[in-house]
C-alpha atoms as a PDB file:
ATOM      1  CA  MET A   1     133.297 128.822  34.271  1.00  0.00           C
ATOM      2  CA  PRO A   2     136.095 131.678  33.164  1.00  0.00           C
ATOM      3  CA  PRO A   3     135.777 134.970  34.175  1.00  0.00           C
ATOM      4  CA  SER A   4     135.533 137.708  31.587  1.00  0.00           C
ATOM      5  CA  LEU A   5     138.708 137.827  30.002  1.00  0.00           C
ATOM      6  CA  LEU A   6     138.644 142.258  29.891  1.00  0.00           C
ATOM      7  CA  GLU A   7     136.812 144.364  32.361  1.00  0.00           C
ATOM      8  CA  LYS A   8     136.967 147.741  33.089  1.00  0.00           C
ATOM      9  CA  ASP A   9     138.642 149.364  35.990  1.00  0.00           C
ATOM     10  CA  ARG A  10     137.205 151.988  38.315  1.00  0.00           C
ATOM     11  CA  HIS A  11     138.692 154.371  35.865  1.00  0.00           C
ATOM     12  CA  GLY A  12     137.084 152.930  32.854  1.00  0.00           C
ATOM     13  CA  ILE A  13     140.331 151.608  31.297  1.00  0.00           C
ATOM     14  CA  GLU A  14     140.784 148.389  29.807  1.00  0.00           C
ATOM     15  CA  ILE A  15     142.322 146.283  31.631  1.00  0.00           C
ATOM     16  CA  ILE A  16     142.932 142.037  31.746  1.00  0.00           C
ATOM     17  CA  ASN A  17     140.530 140.579  34.616  1.00  0.00           C
ATOM     18  CA  PRO A  18     142.601 139.874  37.791  1.00  0.00           C
ATOM     19  CA  LYS A  19     141.693 136.522  38.439  1.00  0.00           C
ATOM     20  CA  TYR A  20     142.857 135.358  35.199  1.00  0.00           C
ATOM     21  CA  ASN A  21     146.485 133.431  35.758  1.00  0.00           C
ATOM     22  CA  GLU A  22     148.901 133.549  32.675  1.00  0.00           C
ATOM     23  CA  GLN A  23     147.966 130.209  31.778  1.00  0.00           C
ATOM     24  CA  MET A  24     144.316 131.245  31.564  1.00  0.00           C
ATOM     25  CA  ILE A  25     145.073 134.785  29.728  1.00  0.00           C
ATOM     26  CA  SER A  26     147.332 132.609  27.416  1.00  0.00           C
ATOM     27  CA  ALA A  27     144.579 129.753  26.269  1.00  0.00           C
ATOM     28  CA  ALA A  28     142.135 132.934  25.819  1.00  0.00           C
ATOM     29  CA  VAL A  29     144.364 135.438  23.601  1.00  0.00           C
ATOM     30  CA  ALA A  30     145.537 132.007  22.037  1.00  0.00           C
ATOM     31  CA  LYS A  31     141.815 131.025  21.122  1.00  0.00           C
ATOM     32  CA  ILE A  32     140.567 134.577  20.408  1.00  0.00           C
ATOM     33  CA  MET A  33     142.809 135.589  18.218  1.00  0.00           C
ATOM     34  CA  GLY A  34     142.564 132.217  15.877  1.00  0.00           C
ATOM     35  CA  TYR A  35     144.938 129.990  17.450  1.00  0.00           C
ATOM     36  CA  VAL A  36     144.966 126.379  18.952  1.00  0.00           C
ATOM     37  CA  TYR A  37     146.326 126.404  22.476  1.00  0.00           C
ATOM     38  CA  ASN A  38     148.952 123.870  22.816  1.00  0.00           C
ATOM     39  CA  GLN A  39     151.918 124.479  24.883  1.00  0.00           C
ATOM     40  CA  ASP A  40     154.752 123.159  23.710  1.00  0.00           C
ATOM     41  CA  GLU A  41     157.365 121.407  26.315  1.00  0.00           C
ATOM     42  CA  GLU A  42     160.165 122.277  24.314  1.00  0.00           C
ATOM     43  CA  HIS A  43     159.886 125.899  23.569  1.00  0.00           C
ATOM     44  CA  TYR A  44     157.971 128.202  25.969  1.00  0.00           C
ATOM     45  CA  TRP A  45     157.197 130.771  23.253  1.00  0.00           C
ATOM     46  CA  LYS A  46     155.255 127.860  21.266  1.00  0.00           C
ATOM     47  CA  GLN A  47     151.963 128.323  23.093  1.00  0.00           C
ATOM     48  CA  GLY A  48     149.469 128.179  20.325  1.00  0.00           C
ATOM     49  CA  GLU A  49     149.530 127.203  16.185  1.00  0.00           C
ATOM     50  CA  GLY A  50     148.619 128.630  13.435  1.00  0.00           C
ATOM     51  CA  TYR A  51     148.314 127.991   9.754  1.00  0.00           C
ATOM     52  CA  GLU A  52     151.599 127.368   8.060  1.00  0.00           C
ATOM     53  CA  ASN A  53     154.177 127.511  10.911  1.00  0.00           C
ATOM     54  CA  ASN A  54     152.696 130.399  12.318  1.00  0.00           C
ATOM     55  CA  PHE A  55     153.130 130.375  16.432  1.00  0.00           C
ATOM     56  CA  VAL A  56     151.963 132.450  19.257  1.00  0.00           C
ATOM     57  CA  TYR A  57     153.608 133.686  22.577  1.00  0.00           C
ATOM     58  CA  VAL A  58     151.834 135.191  25.124  1.00  0.00           C
ATOM     59  CA  THR A  59     152.833 137.008  28.263  1.00  0.00           C
ATOM     60  CA  THR A  60     152.233 139.336  30.974  1.00  0.00           C
ATOM     61  CA  LYS A  61     155.521 139.821  31.067  1.00  0.00           C
ATOM     62  CA  PHE A  62     157.745 143.516  30.750  1.00  0.00           C
ATOM     63  CA  LEU A  63     158.649 142.142  26.733  1.00  0.00           C
ATOM     64  CA  THR A  64     162.673 142.818  26.130  1.00  0.00           C
ATOM     65  CA  VAL A  65     164.585 143.546  23.356  1.00  0.00           C
ATOM     66  CA  MET A  66     167.376 140.830  24.637  1.00  0.00           C
ATOM     67  CA  GLU A  67     164.151 138.641  24.839  1.00  0.00           C
ATOM     68  CA  VAL A  68     162.839 138.994  21.014  1.00  0.00           C
ATOM     69  CA  GLY A  69     166.442 138.265  20.326  1.00  0.00           C
ATOM     70  CA  ASP A  70     166.576 135.057  22.209  1.00  0.00           C
ATOM     71  CA  ILE A  71     162.952 133.680  21.022  1.00  0.00           C
ATOM     72  CA  TYR A  72     164.645 134.835  17.196  1.00  0.00           C
ATOM     73  CA  TYR A  73     167.430 132.243  17.449  1.00  0.00           C
ATOM     74  CA  ASP A  74     166.085 129.298  18.607  1.00  0.00           C
ATOM     75  CA  MET A  75     163.407 129.687  16.027  1.00  0.00           C
ATOM     76  CA  LYS A  76     163.654 128.017  13.092  1.00  0.00           C
ATOM     77  CA  ASP A  77     163.526 129.445   9.211  1.00  0.00           C
ATOM     78  CA  TYR A  78     160.462 128.831   8.506  1.00  0.00           C
ATOM     79  CA  GLU A  79     158.988 129.519  11.202  1.00  0.00           C
ATOM     80  CA  LYS A  80     157.208 132.552  12.105  1.00  0.00           C
ATOM     81  CA  LEU A  81     155.579 133.930  15.802  1.00  0.00           C
ATOM     82  CA  THR A  82     153.557 136.344  17.372  1.00  0.00           C
ATOM     83  CA  ILE A  83     154.240 137.897  20.879  1.00  0.00           C
ATOM     84  CA  TYR A  84     150.907 139.454  22.872  1.00  0.00           C
ATOM     85  CA  ALA A  85     152.758 140.986  25.459  1.00  0.00           C
ATOM     86  CA  THR A  86     151.187 143.391  28.066  1.00  0.00           C
ATOM     87  CA  ALA A  87     153.849 146.304  28.001  1.00  0.00           C
ATOM     88  CA  PHE A  88     157.289 146.204  26.069  1.00  0.00           C
ATOM     89  CA  ASP A  89     160.137 148.766  24.850  1.00  0.00           C
ATOM     90  CA  ASP A  90     158.148 151.924  22.452  1.00  0.00           C
ATOM     91  CA  ASN A  91     161.024 150.657  19.543  1.00  0.00           C
ATOM     92  CA  LEU A  92     160.555 146.809  20.085  1.00  0.00           C
ATOM     93  CA  ARG A  93     158.131 146.964  17.031  1.00  0.00           C
ATOM     94  CA  GLU A  94     160.402 148.679  14.715  1.00  0.00           C
ATOM     95  CA  ILE A  95     163.334 146.565  15.933  1.00  0.00           C
ATOM     96  CA  CYS A  96     161.468 143.208  14.783  1.00  0.00           C
ATOM     97  CA  LYS A  97     160.789 144.713  11.379  1.00  0.00           C
ATOM     98  CA  LYS A  98     163.958 145.311  11.005  1.00  0.00           C
ATOM     99  CA  SER A  99     166.251 142.788  12.571  1.00  0.00           C
ATOM    100  CA  TYR A 100     163.570 140.576  13.678  1.00  0.00           C
ATOM    101  CA  SER A 101     161.476 139.851  10.917  1.00  0.00           C
ATOM    102  CA  ARG A 102     159.250 136.584  11.634  1.00  0.00           C
ATOM    103  CA  ILE A 103     157.852 137.741  14.821  1.00  0.00           C
ATOM    104  CA  THR A 104     155.382 140.333  15.346  1.00  0.00           C
ATOM    105  CA  ILE A 105     154.663 142.564  18.779  1.00  0.00           C
ATOM    106  CA  GLU A 106     150.969 143.148  19.629  1.00  0.00           C
ATOM    107  CA  LYS A 107     149.652 144.643  22.654  1.00  0.00           C
ATOM    108  CA  ILE A 108     147.299 143.400  25.143  1.00  0.00           C
ATOM    109  CA  PRO A 109     144.711 144.106  25.209  1.00  0.00           C
ATOM    110  CA  GLN A 110     144.335 146.776  22.790  1.00  0.00           C
ATOM    111  CA  VAL A 111     144.569 143.891  20.056  1.00  0.00           C
ATOM    112  CA  LEU A 112     141.320 142.108  22.076  1.00  0.00           C
ATOM    113  CA  GLN A 113     139.364 145.257  21.625  1.00  0.00           C
ATOM    114  CA  ASP A 114     138.148 144.638  18.111  1.00  0.00           C
ATOM    115  CA  LYS A 115     138.012 141.065  18.458  1.00  0.00           C
ATOM    116  CA  TYR A 116     136.371 140.614  22.321  1.00  0.00           C
ATOM    117  CA  ASP A 117     133.305 140.125  22.861  1.00  0.00           C
ATOM    118  CA  TYR A 118     132.396 142.350  26.326  1.00  0.00           C
ATOM    119  CA  CYS A 119     130.164 140.728  29.090  1.00  0.00           C
ATOM    120  CA  ILE A 120     130.941 137.031  27.941  1.00  0.00           C
ATOM    121  CA  ASP A 121     131.770 134.614  30.513  1.00  0.00           C
ATOM    122  CA  SER A 122     133.372 131.945  28.643  1.00  0.00           C
ATOM    123  CA  TYR A 123     135.191 131.284  25.081  1.00  0.00           C
ATOM    124  CA  ASN A 124     134.915 127.518  25.879  1.00  0.00           C
ATOM    125  CA  LEU A 125     138.181 126.862  27.432  1.00  0.00           C
ATOM    126  CA  PRO A 126     139.033 123.825  28.987  1.00  0.00           C
ATOM    127  CA  GLU A 127     138.082 123.494  31.984  1.00  0.00           C
ATOM    128  CA  ALA A 128     142.251 123.087  33.534  1.00  0.00           C
ATOM    129  CA  TYR A 129     141.471 127.224  32.879  1.00  0.00           C
ATOM    130  CA  SER A 130     138.835 128.065  35.055  1.00  0.00           C
ATOM    131  CA  ASN A 131     138.840 129.463  38.471  1.00  0.00           C
ATOM    132  CA  GLY A 132     135.086 128.461  38.789  1.00  0.00           C
END
């Protein structure tokens, strides 16, 4: 059974459980946020699909304007993308609103706080994403 996704560090700050690897985090965030996790083989940024050509990309790496631009120019005109990242440039959300309007940036774990139930050990993730 997978470990709890969020936990509090010794200072009481919510963090992503270090027992989760990047693939487990992507699957968990996609599921919690209402996407069907399904990593696209051709496009690394299509990790899950929602409704009406809306995709999700989850990254624990620092997200840059350059990466967002590369993704945007790889997208089809009718596609939308929400990116959940642990860290990114302070002005990246504003840049997206002005230049990359079909991309939304959200921060992990802040975005999960309203949707996440603490102390639940499993969000019924596929066994492949379990450390157990």
